[in-house]
Full PDB file with SEQRES, HELIX, SHEET, SSBOND, CRYST1, ORIGX, SCALE, CONECT and MASTER records, all heavy atoms in Angstrom:
SEQRES   1 A   38  THR ARG MET GLY THR ARG ILE ARG GLN VAL ARG LYS ALA          
SEQRES   2 A   38  LYS GLY TRP SER GLN ASP VAL LEU ALA LYS LYS CYS GLY          
SEQRES   3 A   38  ILE SER MET SER PHE LEU GLY HIS ILE GLU ARG GLY              
HELIX    1 AA1 ARG A    2  LYS A   14  1                                  13    
HELIX    2 AA2 GLN A   18  CYS A   25  1                                   8    
HELIX    3 AA3 MET A   29  ARG A   37  1                                   9    
CRYST1    1.000    1.000    1.000  90.00  90.00  90.00 P 1           1          
ORIGX1      1.000000  0.000000  0.000000        0.00000                         
ORIGX2      0.000000  1.000000  0.000000        0.00000                         
ORIGX3      0.000000  0.000000  1.000000        0.00000                         
SCALE1      1.000000  0.000000  0.000000        0.00000                         
SCALE2      0.000000  1.000000  0.000000        0.00000                         
SCALE3      0.000000  0.000000  1.000000        0.00000                         
ATOM      1  N   THR A   1      -1.855 -10.096   7.319  1.00  0.00           N  
ATOM      2  CA  THR A   1      -0.660  -9.346   7.679  1.00  0.00           C  
ATOM      3  C   THR A   1       0.505  -9.585   6.780  1.00  0.00           C  
ATOM      4  O   THR A   1       1.170  -8.618   6.332  1.00  0.00           O  
ATOM      5  CB  THR A   1      -0.272  -9.666   9.210  1.00  0.00           C  
ATOM      6  OG1 THR A   1      -1.388  -9.439  10.046  1.00  0.00           O  
ATOM      7  CG2 THR A   1       0.922  -8.840   9.637  1.00  0.00           C  
ATOM      8  N   ARG A   2       0.731 -10.825   6.442  1.00  0.00           N  
ATOM      9  CA  ARG A   2       1.807 -11.164   5.493  1.00  0.00           C  
ATOM     10  C   ARG A   2       1.494 -10.641   4.144  1.00  0.00           C  
ATOM     11  O   ARG A   2       2.360 -10.206   3.393  1.00  0.00           O  
ATOM     12  CB  ARG A   2       2.047 -12.673   5.537  1.00  0.00           C  
ATOM     13  CG  ARG A   2       2.590 -13.160   6.858  1.00  0.00           C  
ATOM     14  CD  ARG A   2       2.746 -14.641   6.913  1.00  0.00           C  
ATOM     15  NE  ARG A   2       4.124 -14.888   6.531  1.00  0.00           N  
ATOM     16  CZ  ARG A   2       4.607 -16.051   6.309  1.00  0.00           C  
ATOM     17  NH1 ARG A   2       3.828 -17.106   6.545  1.00  0.00           N  
ATOM     18  NH2 ARG A   2       5.837 -16.340   5.954  1.00  0.00           N  
ATOM     19  N   MET A   3       0.255 -10.720   3.679  1.00  0.00           N  
ATOM     20  CA  MET A   3      -0.156 -10.270   2.366  1.00  0.00           C  
ATOM     21  C   MET A   3       0.080  -8.737   2.306  1.00  0.00           C  
ATOM     22  O   MET A   3       0.614  -8.177   1.372  1.00  0.00           O  
ATOM     23  CB  MET A   3      -1.631 -10.597   2.089  1.00  0.00           C  
ATOM     24  CG  MET A   3      -2.031 -10.133   0.703  1.00  0.00           C  
ATOM     25  SD  MET A   3      -3.681 -10.581   0.188  1.00  0.00           S  
ATOM     26  CE  MET A   3      -4.681 -10.542   1.596  1.00  0.00           C  
ATOM     27  N   GLY A   4      -0.273  -8.029   3.370  1.00  0.00           N  
ATOM     28  CA  GLY A   4      -0.085  -6.590   3.417  1.00  0.00           C  
ATOM     29  C   GLY A   4       1.363  -6.210   3.411  1.00  0.00           C  
ATOM     30  O   GLY A   4       1.782  -5.211   2.745  1.00  0.00           O  
ATOM     31  N   THR A   5       2.182  -7.030   4.069  1.00  0.00           N  
ATOM     32  CA  THR A   5       3.633  -6.882   4.049  1.00  0.00           C  
ATOM     33  C   THR A   5       4.149  -7.004   2.635  1.00  0.00           C  
ATOM     34  O   THR A   5       5.008  -6.202   2.206  1.00  0.00           O  
ATOM     35  CB  THR A   5       4.362  -7.838   5.014  1.00  0.00           C  
ATOM     36  OG1 THR A   5       3.912  -7.538   6.339  1.00  0.00           O  
ATOM     37  CG2 THR A   5       5.828  -7.646   4.922  1.00  0.00           C  
ATOM     38  N   ARG A   6       3.703  -8.015   1.925  1.00  0.00           N  
ATOM     39  CA  ARG A   6       4.139  -8.181   0.559  1.00  0.00           C  
ATOM     40  C   ARG A   6       3.747  -7.039  -0.365  1.00  0.00           C  
ATOM     41  O   ARG A   6       4.536  -6.583  -1.174  1.00  0.00           O  
ATOM     42  CB  ARG A   6       3.629  -9.566   0.008  1.00  0.00           C  
ATOM     43  CG  ARG A   6       4.301 -10.716   0.660  1.00  0.00           C  
ATOM     44  CD  ARG A   6       3.913 -12.021   0.021  1.00  0.00           C  
ATOM     45  NE  ARG A   6       2.591 -12.491   0.343  1.00  0.00           N  
ATOM     46  CZ  ARG A   6       2.335 -13.312   1.398  1.00  0.00           C  
ATOM     47  NH1 ARG A   6       3.308 -13.710   2.142  1.00  0.00           N  
ATOM     48  NH2 ARG A   6       1.093 -13.690   1.645  1.00  0.00           N  
ATOM     49  N   ILE A   7       2.555  -6.510  -0.166  1.00  0.00           N  
ATOM     50  CA  ILE A   7       2.043  -5.375  -0.957  1.00  0.00           C  
ATOM     51  C   ILE A   7       2.944  -4.165  -0.627  1.00  0.00           C  
ATOM     52  O   ILE A   7       3.465  -3.510  -1.507  1.00  0.00           O  
ATOM     53  CB  ILE A   7       0.588  -5.048  -0.598  1.00  0.00           C  
ATOM     54  CG1 ILE A   7      -0.293  -6.166  -1.159  1.00  0.00           C  
ATOM     55  CG2 ILE A   7       0.192  -3.696  -1.151  1.00  0.00           C  
ATOM     56  CD1 ILE A   7      -1.764  -6.106  -0.729  1.00  0.00           C  
ATOM     57  N   ARG A   8       3.293  -3.967   0.622  1.00  0.00           N  
ATOM     58  CA  ARG A   8       4.138  -2.828   1.018  1.00  0.00           C  
ATOM     59  C   ARG A   8       5.551  -3.018   0.379  1.00  0.00           C  
ATOM     60  O   ARG A   8       6.141  -2.005  -0.163  1.00  0.00           O  
ATOM     61  CB  ARG A   8       4.304  -2.785   2.571  1.00  0.00           C  
ATOM     62  CG  ARG A   8       5.202  -1.653   3.003  1.00  0.00           C  
ATOM     63  CD  ARG A   8       5.426  -1.601   4.495  1.00  0.00           C  
ATOM     64  NE  ARG A   8       4.182  -1.423   5.242  1.00  0.00           N  
ATOM     65  CZ  ARG A   8       3.624  -2.290   6.062  1.00  0.00           C  
ATOM     66  NH1 ARG A   8       4.213  -3.437   6.323  1.00  0.00           N  
ATOM     67  NH2 ARG A   8       2.489  -2.008   6.635  1.00  0.00           N  
ATOM     68  N   GLN A   9       6.128  -4.189   0.414  1.00  0.00           N  
ATOM     69  CA  GLN A   9       7.425  -4.420  -0.158  1.00  0.00           C  
ATOM     70  C   GLN A   9       7.463  -4.134  -1.632  1.00  0.00           C  
ATOM     71  O   GLN A   9       8.370  -3.468  -2.152  1.00  0.00           O  
ATOM     72  CB  GLN A   9       7.872  -5.866   0.124  1.00  0.00           C  
ATOM     73  CG  GLN A   9       8.223  -6.175   1.465  1.00  0.00           C  
ATOM     74  CD  GLN A   9       8.382  -7.685   1.747  1.00  0.00           C  
ATOM     75  OE1 GLN A   9       7.904  -8.522   1.009  1.00  0.00           O  
ATOM     76  NE2 GLN A   9       9.113  -8.049   2.829  1.00  0.00           N  
ATOM     77  N   VAL A  10       6.433  -4.573  -2.402  1.00  0.00           N  
ATOM     78  CA  VAL A  10       6.414  -4.273  -3.794  1.00  0.00           C  
ATOM     79  C   VAL A  10       6.216  -2.827  -4.042  1.00  0.00           C  
ATOM     80  O   VAL A  10       6.873  -2.189  -4.916  1.00  0.00           O  
ATOM     81  CB  VAL A  10       5.279  -5.045  -4.492  1.00  0.00           C  
ATOM     82  CG1 VAL A  10       5.117  -4.718  -6.022  1.00  0.00           C  
ATOM     83  CG2 VAL A  10       5.514  -6.580  -4.367  1.00  0.00           C  
ATOM     84  N   ARG A  11       5.363  -2.149  -3.291  1.00  0.00           N  
ATOM     85  CA  ARG A  11       5.157  -0.703  -3.398  1.00  0.00           C  
ATOM     86  C   ARG A  11       6.467   0.039  -3.189  1.00  0.00           C  
ATOM     87  O   ARG A  11       6.831   0.917  -3.926  1.00  0.00           O  
ATOM     88  CB  ARG A  11       4.083  -0.287  -2.402  1.00  0.00           C  
ATOM     89  CG  ARG A  11       3.989   1.300  -2.381  1.00  0.00           C  
ATOM     90  CD  ARG A  11       2.901   1.760  -1.322  1.00  0.00           C  
ATOM     91  NE  ARG A  11       3.186   1.431   0.013  1.00  0.00           N  
ATOM     92  CZ  ARG A  11       4.040   1.963   0.810  1.00  0.00           C  
ATOM     93  NH1 ARG A  11       4.881   2.982   0.364  1.00  0.00           N  
ATOM     94  NH2 ARG A  11       4.205   1.618   2.102  1.00  0.00           N  
ATOM     95  N   LYS A  12       7.191  -0.266  -2.072  1.00  0.00           N  
ATOM     96  CA  LYS A  12       8.414   0.377  -1.780  1.00  0.00           C  
ATOM     97  C   LYS A  12       9.539   0.069  -2.802  1.00  0.00           C  
ATOM     98  O   LYS A  12      10.313   0.967  -3.120  1.00  0.00           O  
ATOM     99  CB  LYS A  12       8.893   0.008  -0.366  1.00  0.00           C  
ATOM    100  CG  LYS A  12       8.068   0.634   0.700  1.00  0.00           C  
ATOM    101  CD  LYS A  12       8.695   0.285   2.058  1.00  0.00           C  
ATOM    102  CE  LYS A  12       7.957   1.182   3.142  1.00  0.00           C  
ATOM    103  NZ  LYS A  12       8.621   1.050   4.454  1.00  0.00           N  
ATOM    104  N   ALA A  13       9.484  -1.086  -3.352  1.00  0.00           N  
ATOM    105  CA  ALA A  13      10.491  -1.442  -4.379  1.00  0.00           C  
ATOM    106  C   ALA A  13      10.290  -0.599  -5.649  1.00  0.00           C  
ATOM    107  O   ALA A  13      11.183  -0.233  -6.361  1.00  0.00           O  
ATOM    108  CB  ALA A  13      10.390  -2.870  -4.763  1.00  0.00           C  
ATOM    109  N   LYS A  14       9.050  -0.145  -5.848  1.00  0.00           N  
ATOM    110  CA  LYS A  14       8.704   0.791  -6.962  1.00  0.00           C  
ATOM    111  C   LYS A  14       9.104   2.286  -6.610  1.00  0.00           C  
ATOM    112  O   LYS A  14       8.944   3.163  -7.477  1.00  0.00           O  
ATOM    113  CB  LYS A  14       7.283   0.668  -7.429  1.00  0.00           C  
ATOM    114  CG  LYS A  14       7.009  -0.653  -8.036  1.00  0.00           C  
ATOM    115  CD  LYS A  14       5.605  -0.632  -8.603  1.00  0.00           C  
ATOM    116  CE  LYS A  14       5.329  -1.891  -9.435  1.00  0.00           C  
ATOM    117  NZ  LYS A  14       6.002  -1.878 -10.734  1.00  0.00           N  
ATOM    118  N   GLY A  15       9.358   2.496  -5.277  1.00  0.00           N  
ATOM    119  CA  GLY A  15       9.667   3.821  -4.882  1.00  0.00           C  
ATOM    120  C   GLY A  15       8.372   4.637  -4.695  1.00  0.00           C  
ATOM    121  O   GLY A  15       8.466   5.925  -4.705  1.00  0.00           O  
ATOM    122  N   TRP A  16       7.284   4.080  -4.441  1.00  0.00           N  
ATOM    123  CA  TRP A  16       6.029   4.742  -4.401  1.00  0.00           C  
ATOM    124  C   TRP A  16       5.605   4.952  -2.881  1.00  0.00           C  
ATOM    125  O   TRP A  16       5.910   4.100  -2.066  1.00  0.00           O  
ATOM    126  CB  TRP A  16       4.874   3.969  -4.957  1.00  0.00           C  
ATOM    127  CG  TRP A  16       4.951   3.843  -6.486  1.00  0.00           C  
ATOM    128  CD1 TRP A  16       5.854   4.441  -7.337  1.00  0.00           C  
ATOM    129  CD2 TRP A  16       4.112   2.998  -7.329  1.00  0.00           C  
ATOM    130  NE1 TRP A  16       5.555   4.036  -8.578  1.00  0.00           N  
ATOM    131  CE2 TRP A  16       4.518   3.129  -8.667  1.00  0.00           C  
ATOM    132  CE3 TRP A  16       3.066   2.166  -7.025  1.00  0.00           C  
ATOM    133  CZ2 TRP A  16       3.877   2.520  -9.684  1.00  0.00           C  
ATOM    134  CZ3 TRP A  16       2.418   1.506  -8.056  1.00  0.00           C  
ATOM    135  CH2 TRP A  16       2.853   1.680  -9.382  1.00  0.00           C  
ATOM    136  N   SER A  17       4.981   6.090  -2.650  1.00  0.00           N  
ATOM    137  CA  SER A  17       4.452   6.334  -1.284  1.00  0.00           C  
ATOM    138  C   SER A  17       3.081   5.595  -1.247  1.00  0.00           C  
ATOM    139  O   SER A  17       2.500   5.184  -2.278  1.00  0.00           O  
ATOM    140  CB  SER A  17       4.223   7.801  -1.104  1.00  0.00           C  
ATOM    141  OG  SER A  17       3.243   8.325  -1.975  1.00  0.00           O  
ATOM    142  N   GLN A  18       2.539   5.520  -0.014  1.00  0.00           N  
ATOM    143  CA  GLN A  18       1.172   4.948   0.113  1.00  0.00           C  
ATOM    144  C   GLN A  18       0.123   5.837  -0.686  1.00  0.00           C  
ATOM    145  O   GLN A  18      -0.757   5.277  -1.273  1.00  0.00           O  
ATOM    146  CB  GLN A  18       0.780   4.882   1.547  1.00  0.00           C  
ATOM    147  CG  GLN A  18       1.390   3.817   2.292  1.00  0.00           C  
ATOM    148  CD  GLN A  18       0.813   3.668   3.750  1.00  0.00           C  
ATOM    149  OE1 GLN A  18       0.461   4.699   4.311  1.00  0.00           O  
ATOM    150  NE2 GLN A  18       0.832   2.449   4.317  1.00  0.00           N  
ATOM    151  N   ASP A  19       0.358   7.099  -0.671  1.00  0.00           N  
ATOM    152  CA  ASP A  19      -0.547   7.974  -1.353  1.00  0.00           C  
ATOM    153  C   ASP A  19      -0.585   7.741  -2.846  1.00  0.00           C  
ATOM    154  O   ASP A  19      -1.642   7.733  -3.513  1.00  0.00           O  
ATOM    155  CB  ASP A  19      -0.127   9.507  -1.080  1.00  0.00           C  
ATOM    156  CG  ASP A  19      -1.151  10.431  -1.664  1.00  0.00           C  
ATOM    157  OD1 ASP A  19      -2.443  10.278  -1.288  1.00  0.00           O  
ATOM    158  OD2 ASP A  19      -0.788  11.389  -2.286  1.00  0.00           O  
ATOM    159  N   VAL A  20       0.612   7.468  -3.450  1.00  0.00           N  
ATOM    160  CA  VAL A  20       0.640   7.186  -4.887  1.00  0.00           C  
ATOM    161  C   VAL A  20      -0.139   5.908  -5.158  1.00  0.00           C  
ATOM    162  O   VAL A  20      -0.958   5.863  -6.103  1.00  0.00           O  
ATOM    163  CB  VAL A  20       2.077   7.055  -5.362  1.00  0.00           C  
ATOM    164  CG1 VAL A  20       2.188   6.470  -6.809  1.00  0.00           C  
ATOM    165  CG2 VAL A  20       2.792   8.412  -5.287  1.00  0.00           C  
ATOM    166  N   LEU A  21       0.115   4.803  -4.478  1.00  0.00           N  
ATOM    167  CA  LEU A  21      -0.564   3.603  -4.752  1.00  0.00           C  
ATOM    168  C   LEU A  21      -2.058   3.680  -4.498  1.00  0.00           C  
ATOM    169  O   LEU A  21      -2.866   3.184  -5.260  1.00  0.00           O  
ATOM    170  CB  LEU A  21       0.069   2.368  -3.913  1.00  0.00           C  
ATOM    171  CG  LEU A  21      -0.621   1.048  -4.141  1.00  0.00           C  
ATOM    172  CD1 LEU A  21      -0.646   0.619  -5.626  1.00  0.00           C  
ATOM    173  CD2 LEU A  21       0.033  -0.019  -3.220  1.00  0.00           C  
ATOM    174  N   ALA A  22      -2.391   4.357  -3.397  1.00  0.00           N  
ATOM    175  CA  ALA A  22      -3.836   4.502  -3.040  1.00  0.00           C  
ATOM    176  C   ALA A  22      -4.587   5.252  -4.140  1.00  0.00           C  
ATOM    177  O   ALA A  22      -5.688   4.808  -4.556  1.00  0.00           O  
ATOM    178  CB  ALA A  22      -3.976   5.278  -1.744  1.00  0.00           C  
ATOM    179  N   LYS A  23      -3.960   6.272  -4.760  1.00  0.00           N  
ATOM    180  CA  LYS A  23      -4.614   7.028  -5.829  1.00  0.00           C  
ATOM    181  C   LYS A  23      -4.752   6.139  -7.055  1.00  0.00           C  
ATOM    182  O   LYS A  23      -5.762   6.145  -7.748  1.00  0.00           O  
ATOM    183  CB  LYS A  23      -3.862   8.306  -6.134  1.00  0.00           C  
ATOM    184  CG  LYS A  23      -4.095   9.365  -5.094  1.00  0.00           C  
ATOM    185  CD  LYS A  23      -3.274  10.620  -5.434  1.00  0.00           C  
ATOM    186  CE  LYS A  23      -3.490  11.658  -4.350  1.00  0.00           C  
ATOM    187  NZ  LYS A  23      -2.611  12.835  -4.426  1.00  0.00           N  
ATOM    188  N   LYS A  24      -3.708   5.352  -7.365  1.00  0.00           N  
ATOM    189  CA  LYS A  24      -3.766   4.482  -8.528  1.00  0.00           C  
ATOM    190  C   LYS A  24      -4.915   3.418  -8.342  1.00  0.00           C  
ATOM    191  O   LYS A  24      -5.417   2.932  -9.332  1.00  0.00           O  
ATOM    192  CB  LYS A  24      -2.436   3.752  -8.745  1.00  0.00           C  
ATOM    193  CG  LYS A  24      -1.375   4.682  -9.280  1.00  0.00           C  
ATOM    194  CD  LYS A  24      -0.039   3.921  -9.470  1.00  0.00           C  
ATOM    195  CE  LYS A  24       1.033   4.809 -10.013  1.00  0.00           C  
ATOM    196  NZ  LYS A  24       0.927   5.064 -11.421  1.00  0.00           N  
ATOM    197  N   CYS A  25      -5.207   3.038  -7.145  1.00  0.00           N  
ATOM    198  CA  CYS A  25      -6.168   1.981  -6.914  1.00  0.00           C  
ATOM    199  C   CYS A  25      -7.538   2.537  -6.510  1.00  0.00           C  
ATOM    200  O   CYS A  25      -8.488   1.791  -6.436  1.00  0.00           O  
ATOM    201  CB  CYS A  25      -5.687   1.120  -5.721  1.00  0.00           C  
ATOM    202  SG  CYS A  25      -4.216   0.268  -6.014  1.00  0.00           S  
ATOM    203  N   GLY A  26      -7.660   3.849  -6.394  1.00  0.00           N  
ATOM    204  CA  GLY A  26      -8.999   4.496  -6.082  1.00  0.00           C  
ATOM    205  C   GLY A  26      -9.419   4.239  -4.679  1.00  0.00           C  
ATOM    206  O   GLY A  26     -10.643   4.148  -4.443  1.00  0.00           O  
ATOM    207  N   ILE A  27      -8.510   4.118  -3.734  1.00  0.00           N  
ATOM    208  CA  ILE A  27      -8.801   3.934  -2.297  1.00  0.00           C  
ATOM    209  C   ILE A  27      -8.129   5.044  -1.511  1.00  0.00           C  
ATOM    210  O   ILE A  27      -7.257   5.750  -2.032  1.00  0.00           O  
ATOM    211  CB  ILE A  27      -8.416   2.557  -1.768  1.00  0.00           C  
ATOM    212  CG1 ILE A  27      -6.931   2.309  -1.905  1.00  0.00           C  
ATOM    213  CG2 ILE A  27      -9.283   1.476  -2.521  1.00  0.00           C  
ATOM    214  CD1 ILE A  27      -6.436   0.971  -1.392  1.00  0.00           C  
ATOM    215  N   SER A  28      -8.516   5.171  -0.265  1.00  0.00           N  
ATOM    216  CA  SER A  28      -7.848   6.191   0.578  1.00  0.00           C  
ATOM    217  C   SER A  28      -6.492   5.697   1.075  1.00  0.00           C  
ATOM    218  O   SER A  28      -6.279   4.474   1.148  1.00  0.00           O  
ATOM    219  CB  SER A  28      -8.745   6.534   1.748  1.00  0.00           C  
ATOM    220  OG  SER A  28      -8.737   5.437   2.706  1.00  0.00           O  
ATOM    221  N   MET A  29      -5.625   6.651   1.401  1.00  0.00           N  
ATOM    222  CA  MET A  29      -4.340   6.233   1.927  1.00  0.00           C  
ATOM    223  C   MET A  29      -4.490   5.543   3.267  1.00  0.00           C  
ATOM    224  O   MET A  29      -3.792   4.591   3.586  1.00  0.00           O  
ATOM    225  CB  MET A  29      -3.483   7.508   2.052  1.00  0.00           C  
ATOM    226  CG  MET A  29      -1.968   7.247   2.374  1.00  0.00           C  
ATOM    227  SD  MET A  29      -0.956   8.665   2.309  1.00  0.00           S  
ATOM    228  CE  MET A  29      -1.470   9.526   3.755  1.00  0.00           C  
ATOM    229  N   SER A  30      -5.489   5.943   4.045  1.00  0.00           N  
ATOM    230  CA  SER A  30      -5.732   5.289   5.347  1.00  0.00           C  
ATOM    231  C   SER A  30      -6.195   3.832   5.102  1.00  0.00           C  
ATOM    232  O   SER A  30      -5.647   2.952   5.804  1.00  0.00           O  
ATOM    233  CB  SER A  30      -6.889   6.034   6.024  1.00  0.00           C  
ATOM    234  OG  SER A  30      -7.309   5.430   7.224  1.00  0.00           O  
ATOM    235  N   PHE A  31      -7.036   3.552   4.200  1.00  0.00           N  
ATOM    236  CA  PHE A  31      -7.405   2.214   3.895  1.00  0.00           C  
ATOM    237  C   PHE A  31      -6.218   1.389   3.423  1.00  0.00           C  
ATOM    238  O   PHE A  31      -6.055   0.250   3.916  1.00  0.00           O  
ATOM    239  CB  PHE A  31      -8.556   2.147   2.884  1.00  0.00           C  
ATOM    240  CG  PHE A  31      -9.117   0.743   2.669  1.00  0.00           C  
ATOM    241  CD1 PHE A  31      -9.468  -0.022   3.695  1.00  0.00           C  
ATOM    242  CD2 PHE A  31      -9.256   0.293   1.355  1.00  0.00           C  
ATOM    243  CE1 PHE A  31     -10.006  -1.328   3.515  1.00  0.00           C  
ATOM    244  CE2 PHE A  31      -9.765  -1.027   1.139  1.00  0.00           C  
ATOM    245  CZ  PHE A  31     -10.147  -1.823   2.184  1.00  0.00           C  
ATOM    246  N   LEU A  32      -5.397   1.916   2.586  1.00  0.00           N  
ATOM    247  CA  LEU A  32      -4.212   1.219   2.098  1.00  0.00           C  
ATOM    248  C   LEU A  32      -3.299   0.897   3.289  1.00  0.00           C  
ATOM    249  O   LEU A  32      -2.754  -0.227   3.384  1.00  0.00           O  
ATOM    250  CB  LEU A  32      -3.435   2.017   1.061  1.00  0.00           C  
ATOM    251  CG  LEU A  32      -2.167   1.344   0.583  1.00  0.00           C  
ATOM    252  CD1 LEU A  32      -2.467  -0.002  -0.111  1.00  0.00           C  
ATOM    253  CD2 LEU A  32      -1.438   2.245  -0.435  1.00  0.00           C  
ATOM    254  N   GLY A  33      -3.143   1.771   4.214  1.00  0.00           N  
ATOM    255  CA  GLY A  33      -2.342   1.597   5.432  1.00  0.00           C  
ATOM    256  C   GLY A  33      -2.902   0.411   6.209  1.00  0.00           C  
ATOM    257  O   GLY A  33      -2.119  -0.434   6.668  1.00  0.00           O  
ATOM    258  N   HIS A  34      -4.222   0.309   6.356  1.00  0.00           N  
ATOM    259  CA  HIS A  34      -4.855  -0.774   7.042  1.00  0.00           C  
ATOM    260  C   HIS A  34      -4.592  -2.129   6.305  1.00  0.00           C  
ATOM    261  O   HIS A  34      -4.340  -3.161   6.890  1.00  0.00           O  
ATOM    262  CB  HIS A  34      -6.316  -0.552   7.144  1.00  0.00           C  
ATOM    263  CG  HIS A  34      -6.752   0.315   8.268  1.00  0.00           C  
ATOM    264  ND1 HIS A  34      -6.673  -0.143   9.597  1.00  0.00           N  
ATOM    265  CD2 HIS A  34      -7.151   1.604   8.272  1.00  0.00           C  
ATOM    266  CE1 HIS A  34      -7.090   0.923  10.375  1.00  0.00           C  
ATOM    267  NE2 HIS A  34      -7.414   1.944   9.564  1.00  0.00           N  
ATOM    268  N   ILE A  35      -4.677  -2.086   4.955  1.00  0.00           N  
ATOM    269  CA  ILE A  35      -4.430  -3.243   4.160  1.00  0.00           C  
ATOM    270  C   ILE A  35      -2.972  -3.758   4.380  1.00  0.00           C  
ATOM    271  O   ILE A  35      -2.729  -4.881   4.577  1.00  0.00           O  
ATOM    272  CB  ILE A  35      -4.652  -2.987   2.629  1.00  0.00           C  
ATOM    273  CG1 ILE A  35      -6.139  -2.842   2.432  1.00  0.00           C  
ATOM    274  CG2 ILE A  35      -4.091  -4.136   1.751  1.00  0.00           C  
ATOM    275  CD1 ILE A  35      -6.510  -2.285   0.972  1.00  0.00           C  
ATOM    276  N   GLU A  36      -2.032  -2.825   4.343  1.00  0.00           N  
ATOM    277  CA  GLU A  36      -0.650  -3.101   4.491  1.00  0.00           C  
ATOM    278  C   GLU A  36      -0.322  -3.683   5.922  1.00  0.00           C  
ATOM    279  O   GLU A  36       0.636  -4.461   6.062  1.00  0.00           O  
ATOM    280  CB  GLU A  36       0.332  -1.947   4.125  1.00  0.00           C  
ATOM    281  CG  GLU A  36       0.302  -1.663   2.661  1.00  0.00           C  
ATOM    282  CD  GLU A  36       1.325  -0.527   2.257  1.00  0.00           C  
ATOM    283  OE1 GLU A  36       1.893   0.107   3.193  1.00  0.00           O  
ATOM    284  OE2 GLU A  36       1.507  -0.337   0.996  1.00  0.00           O  
ATOM    285  N   ARG A  37      -1.075  -3.264   6.918  1.00  0.00           N  
ATOM    286  CA  ARG A  37      -0.879  -3.799   8.278  1.00  0.00           C  
ATOM    287  C   ARG A  37      -1.716  -5.025   8.456  1.00  0.00           C  
ATOM    288  O   ARG A  37      -1.487  -5.680   9.490  1.00  0.00           O  
ATOM    289  CB  ARG A  37      -1.240  -2.722   9.268  1.00  0.00           C  
ATOM    290  CG  ARG A  37      -0.297  -1.578   9.358  1.00  0.00           C  
ATOM    291  CD  ARG A  37      -0.621  -0.586  10.466  1.00  0.00           C  
ATOM    292  NE  ARG A  37      -1.953   0.030  10.477  1.00  0.00           N  
ATOM    293  CZ  ARG A  37      -2.304   0.976   9.695  1.00  0.00           C  
ATOM    294  NH1 ARG A  37      -1.442   1.590   8.868  1.00  0.00           N  
ATOM    295  NH2 ARG A  37      -3.555   1.494   9.734  1.00  0.00           N  
ATOM    296  N   GLY A  38      -2.617  -5.395   7.597  1.00  0.00           N  
ATOM    297  CA  GLY A  38      -3.437  -6.549   7.732  1.00  0.00           C  
ATOM    298  C   GLY A  38      -4.575  -6.369   8.730  1.00  0.00           C  
ATOM    299  O   GLY A  38      -5.158  -7.350   9.223  1.00  0.00           O  
TER     300      GLY A  38                                                      
MASTER        0    0    0    3    0    0    0    6  299    1    0    3          
END                                                                             
């Protein structure tokens, strides 16, 4: 959960949506959401 929070914080600091980061990582936005929630 804390790791996901840190990922979310860095993503938001870059001004990126979940969709942008998910595409850059080759994963679904849904899976990224699960990662960010832990």
